[in-house]
Amino acid sequence: MPQLNPAPWFAILLFSWLIFLTIIPTKVIKHITVNEPAPVSAKKQETQPWDWPWQ
């Protein structure tokens, strides 16, 4: 039965995991964020009520 021969499929599995674990993470890490996150102040901002002019 040829489906029980693991030789070609095992090599494909190893090479695909090699690509997933080495090449792809380095390409993803190289991307930079366009807007760096700004530090959030601890002071809570007060909100103003908004009156709907048409009611």
N, C-alpha and C. Protein backbone atom coordinates (compact mmCIF):
# COMPACT_ATOMS: atom_id res chain seq x y z
N MET A 1 0.84 -1.18 0.00
CA MET A 1 0.00 0.00 0.00
C MET A 1 0.89 1.25 0.00
N PRO A 2 0.78 2.08 -1.00
CA PRO A 2 1.68 3.24 -1.09
C PRO A 2 1.38 4.33 -0.07
N GLN A 3 0.15 4.41 0.44
CA GLN A 3 -0.16 5.48 1.38
C GLN A 3 0.53 5.27 2.73
N LEU A 4 1.06 4.09 2.98
CA LEU A 4 1.76 3.84 4.23
C LEU A 4 3.24 4.16 4.16
N ASN A 5 3.74 4.55 2.99
CA ASN A 5 5.14 4.90 2.85
C ASN A 5 5.33 6.35 3.33
N PRO A 6 5.98 6.58 4.47
CA PRO A 6 6.08 7.94 5.01
C PRO A 6 7.23 8.76 4.43
N ALA A 7 8.02 8.20 3.55
CA ALA A 7 9.23 8.89 3.10
C ALA A 7 8.96 10.24 2.44
N PRO A 8 8.14 10.37 1.40
CA PRO A 8 8.00 11.70 0.79
C PRO A 8 7.20 12.65 1.67
N TRP A 9 6.20 12.15 2.37
CA TRP A 9 5.35 13.04 3.16
C TRP A 9 6.07 13.52 4.41
N PHE A 10 6.92 12.71 4.97
CA PHE A 10 7.67 13.13 6.15
C PHE A 10 8.67 14.23 5.79
N ALA A 11 9.29 14.14 4.62
CA ALA A 11 10.21 15.18 4.18
C ALA A 11 9.46 16.49 3.91
N ILE A 12 8.28 16.39 3.31
CA ILE A 12 7.47 17.59 3.07
C ILE A 12 7.06 18.22 4.40
N LEU A 13 6.69 17.39 5.36
CA LEU A 13 6.31 17.90 6.69
C LEU A 13 7.49 18.61 7.34
N LEU A 14 8.67 18.02 7.30
CA LEU A 14 9.84 18.64 7.92
C LEU A 14 10.22 19.95 7.25
N PHE A 15 10.20 19.97 5.91
CA PHE A 15 10.57 21.20 5.21
C PHE A 15 9.53 22.31 5.42
N SER A 16 8.26 21.94 5.48
CA SER A 16 7.25 22.97 5.72
C SER A 16 7.39 23.56 7.13
N TRP A 17 7.67 22.70 8.14
CA TRP A 17 7.87 23.23 9.49
C TRP A 17 9.17 24.04 9.58
N LEU A 18 10.15 23.66 8.81
CA LEU A 18 11.39 24.44 8.77
C LEU A 18 11.11 25.84 8.24
N ILE A 19 10.30 25.92 7.21
CA ILE A 19 9.95 27.23 6.65
C ILE A 19 9.11 28.02 7.65
N PHE A 20 8.12 27.36 8.26
CA PHE A 20 7.26 28.06 9.21
C PHE A 20 8.01 28.58 10.42
N LEU A 21 9.02 27.86 10.86
CA LEU A 21 9.71 28.24 12.09
C LEU A 21 10.93 29.13 11.88
N THR A 22 11.45 29.23 10.66
CA THR A 22 12.66 30.02 10.44
C THR A 22 12.43 31.21 9.53
N ILE A 23 11.88 30.99 8.38
CA ILE A 23 11.80 32.05 7.38
C ILE A 23 10.64 33.00 7.64
N ILE A 24 9.46 32.47 7.88
CA ILE A 24 8.28 33.32 8.03
C ILE A 24 8.37 34.23 9.27
N PRO A 25 8.78 33.76 10.47
CA PRO A 25 8.87 34.69 11.61
C PRO A 25 9.84 35.84 11.38
N THR A 26 10.94 35.61 10.69
CA THR A 26 11.87 36.71 10.45
C THR A 26 11.27 37.75 9.52
N LYS A 27 10.47 37.33 8.55
CA LYS A 27 9.82 38.28 7.67
C LYS A 27 8.74 39.06 8.41
N VAL A 28 8.04 38.42 9.33
CA VAL A 28 6.97 39.09 10.06
C VAL A 28 7.56 40.08 11.07
N ILE A 29 8.67 39.73 11.70
CA ILE A 29 9.27 40.61 12.71
C ILE A 29 9.84 41.87 12.08
N LYS A 30 10.24 41.82 10.82
CA LYS A 30 10.83 42.98 10.17
C LYS A 30 9.83 44.10 9.92
N HIS A 31 8.54 43.79 9.93
CA HIS A 31 7.54 44.83 9.73
C HIS A 31 7.49 45.75 10.95
N ILE A 32 7.41 47.04 10.70
CA ILE A 32 7.32 47.99 11.80
C ILE A 32 5.90 48.56 11.83
N THR A 33 5.49 48.99 12.99
CA THR A 33 4.17 49.61 13.09
C THR A 33 4.28 51.06 12.64
N VAL A 34 3.30 51.52 11.91
CA VAL A 34 3.32 52.87 11.38
C VAL A 34 3.14 53.89 12.51
N ASN A 35 2.17 53.65 13.36
CA ASN A 35 1.91 54.54 14.48
C ASN A 35 2.34 53.85 15.76
N GLU A 36 3.40 54.34 16.35
CA GLU A 36 3.85 53.77 17.61
C GLU A 36 2.83 54.12 18.70
N PRO A 37 2.55 53.21 19.60
CA PRO A 37 1.58 53.50 20.65
C PRO A 37 2.08 54.59 21.60
N ALA A 38 1.21 55.51 21.91
CA ALA A 38 1.55 56.59 22.83
C ALA A 38 1.22 56.15 24.26
N PRO A 39 2.00 56.59 25.23
CA PRO A 39 1.69 56.22 26.61
C PRO A 39 0.37 56.86 27.06
N VAL A 40 -0.42 56.09 27.75
CA VAL A 40 -1.72 56.57 28.22
C VAL A 40 -1.53 57.23 29.58
N SER A 41 -2.12 58.40 29.74
CA SER A 41 -1.99 59.10 31.02
C SER A 41 -2.93 58.45 32.04
N ALA A 42 -2.54 58.54 33.30
CA ALA A 42 -3.34 57.95 34.37
C ALA A 42 -4.54 58.83 34.71
N LYS A 43 -4.53 60.07 34.28
CA LYS A 43 -5.62 60.99 34.58
C LYS A 43 -6.83 60.66 33.73
N LYS A 44 -7.97 60.53 34.36
CA LYS A 44 -9.20 60.21 33.64
C LYS A 44 -9.79 61.48 33.04
N GLN A 45 -10.11 61.42 31.77
CA GLN A 45 -10.67 62.59 31.11
C GLN A 45 -12.16 62.69 31.40
N GLU A 46 -12.61 63.92 31.60
CA GLU A 46 -14.04 64.12 31.85
C GLU A 46 -14.77 64.19 30.52
N THR A 47 -15.92 63.55 30.49
CA THR A 47 -16.72 63.57 29.28
C THR A 47 -17.83 64.59 29.42
N GLN A 48 -18.15 65.22 28.34
CA GLN A 48 -19.23 66.21 28.33
C GLN A 48 -20.48 65.57 27.76
N PRO A 49 -21.65 65.85 28.35
CA PRO A 49 -22.88 65.31 27.76
C PRO A 49 -23.15 65.96 26.39
N TRP A 50 -23.74 65.20 25.52
CA TRP A 50 -23.98 65.70 24.18
C TRP A 50 -25.49 65.80 23.98
N ASP A 51 -25.96 67.00 23.85
CA ASP A 51 -27.39 67.22 23.65
C ASP A 51 -27.72 67.10 22.17
N TRP A 52 -28.76 66.33 21.89
CA TRP A 52 -29.19 66.17 20.51
C TRP A 52 -30.07 67.37 20.15
N PRO A 53 -29.67 68.21 19.20
CA PRO A 53 -30.42 69.43 18.92
C PRO A 53 -31.78 69.18 18.27
N TRP A 54 -32.03 68.05 17.70
CA TRP A 54 -33.30 67.84 17.00
C TRP A 54 -34.34 67.15 17.86
N GLN A 55 -34.08 66.93 19.13
CA GLN A 55 -35.10 66.30 19.99
C GLN A 55 -35.63 67.30 20.98
